[in-house]
Amino acid sequence: MIDTLKSMFTDHPESVGEGYLEHFGVAMMFSLTMISAGILCFVHALLPFLFTETGSKTIEKLHANMIIKRTKKRDH
């Protein structure tokens, strides 16, 4: 039971080469970045001359952080 509970919190972080607390920090950074970008994209929808590159640049940044860095980390 305890092992099952522990694995619920550690299996995924370990699968991406992180401990629980490190994964928590990375996931929170992703969350706040996506929320911020979402708000700015909403403003862009209303005022298309503002934040014209925010959505695409945010996606590129998050992709690089998640895929490229984690792949390198996991492979080492």
Protein backbone atom coordinates (compact mmCIF):
# COMPACT_ATOMS: atom_id res chain seq x y z
CA MET A 1 0.00 0.00 0.00
CA ILE A 2 2.70 2.50 0.99
CA ASP A 3 4.81 1.53 -2.02
CA THR A 4 1.82 2.01 -4.32
CA LEU A 5 1.11 5.42 -2.82
CA LYS A 6 4.76 6.42 -3.11
CA SER A 7 4.94 5.27 -6.73
CA MET A 8 1.95 7.47 -7.59
CA PHE A 9 4.11 10.48 -6.73
CA THR A 10 7.47 9.26 -8.04
CA ASP A 11 6.93 7.10 -11.14
CA HIS A 12 6.22 9.90 -13.59
CA PRO A 13 8.86 12.33 -12.28
CA GLU A 14 11.45 9.55 -12.44
CA SER A 15 10.36 8.71 -15.99
CA VAL A 16 11.41 12.21 -17.07
CA GLY A 17 14.63 12.19 -15.06
CA GLU A 18 13.44 14.28 -12.12
CA GLY A 19 12.73 13.86 -8.44
CA TYR A 20 9.34 14.78 -7.02
CA LEU A 21 10.28 18.30 -5.87
CA GLU A 22 12.18 19.10 -9.06
CA HIS A 23 9.21 17.92 -11.11
CA PHE A 24 6.88 20.00 -8.95
CA GLY A 25 8.94 23.12 -9.69
CA VAL A 26 9.12 22.44 -13.42
CA ALA A 27 5.40 21.66 -13.62
CA MET A 28 4.55 24.84 -11.70
CA MET A 29 6.75 26.88 -14.06
CA PHE A 30 4.93 25.33 -17.03
CA SER A 31 1.57 26.02 -15.42
CA LEU A 32 2.28 29.67 -14.69
CA THR A 33 3.80 30.19 -18.14
CA MET A 34 0.76 28.68 -19.86
CA ILE A 35 -1.68 30.66 -17.73
CA SER A 36 0.17 33.91 -18.46
CA ALA A 37 0.41 33.16 -22.18
CA GLY A 38 -3.25 32.18 -22.25
CA ILE A 39 -4.26 35.52 -20.76
CA LEU A 40 -2.08 37.38 -23.26
CA CYS A 41 -3.51 35.32 -26.14
CA PHE A 42 -6.99 36.25 -24.92
CA VAL A 43 -6.00 39.93 -25.03
CA HIS A 44 -4.54 39.32 -28.50
CA ALA A 45 -7.88 37.89 -29.64
CA LEU A 46 -9.56 41.15 -28.64
CA LEU A 47 -6.74 43.45 -29.74
CA PRO A 48 -4.88 41.62 -32.52
CA PHE A 49 -2.12 44.22 -32.73
CA LEU A 50 -0.92 43.28 -29.23
CA PHE A 51 1.12 40.20 -28.27
CA THR A 52 1.38 39.03 -31.88
CA GLU A 53 4.09 36.46 -31.17
CA THR A 54 3.34 35.50 -27.58
CA GLY A 55 1.53 32.24 -28.30
CA SER A 56 4.02 30.83 -30.78
CA LYS A 57 7.08 31.91 -28.79
CA THR A 58 5.65 30.44 -25.59
CA ILE A 59 4.96 27.12 -27.31
CA GLU A 60 8.49 27.05 -28.74
CA LYS A 61 9.99 27.83 -25.33
CA LEU A 62 7.94 25.20 -23.52
CA HIS A 63 8.63 22.60 -26.19
CA ALA A 64 12.37 23.23 -25.97
CA ASN A 65 12.23 23.00 -22.19
CA MET A 66 10.14 19.85 -22.05
CA ILE A 67 11.35 17.81 -24.99
CA ILE A 68 14.92 18.83 -25.70
CA LYS A 69 16.20 19.38 -22.15
CA ARG A 70 14.39 16.38 -20.67
CA THR A 71 15.52 14.09 -23.48
CA LYS A 72 19.14 15.12 -22.90
CA LYS A 73 18.73 14.73 -19.13
CA ARG A 74 17.11 11.30 -19.42
CA ASP A 75 19.71 10.03 -21.88
CA HIS A 76 22.63 10.87 -19.56
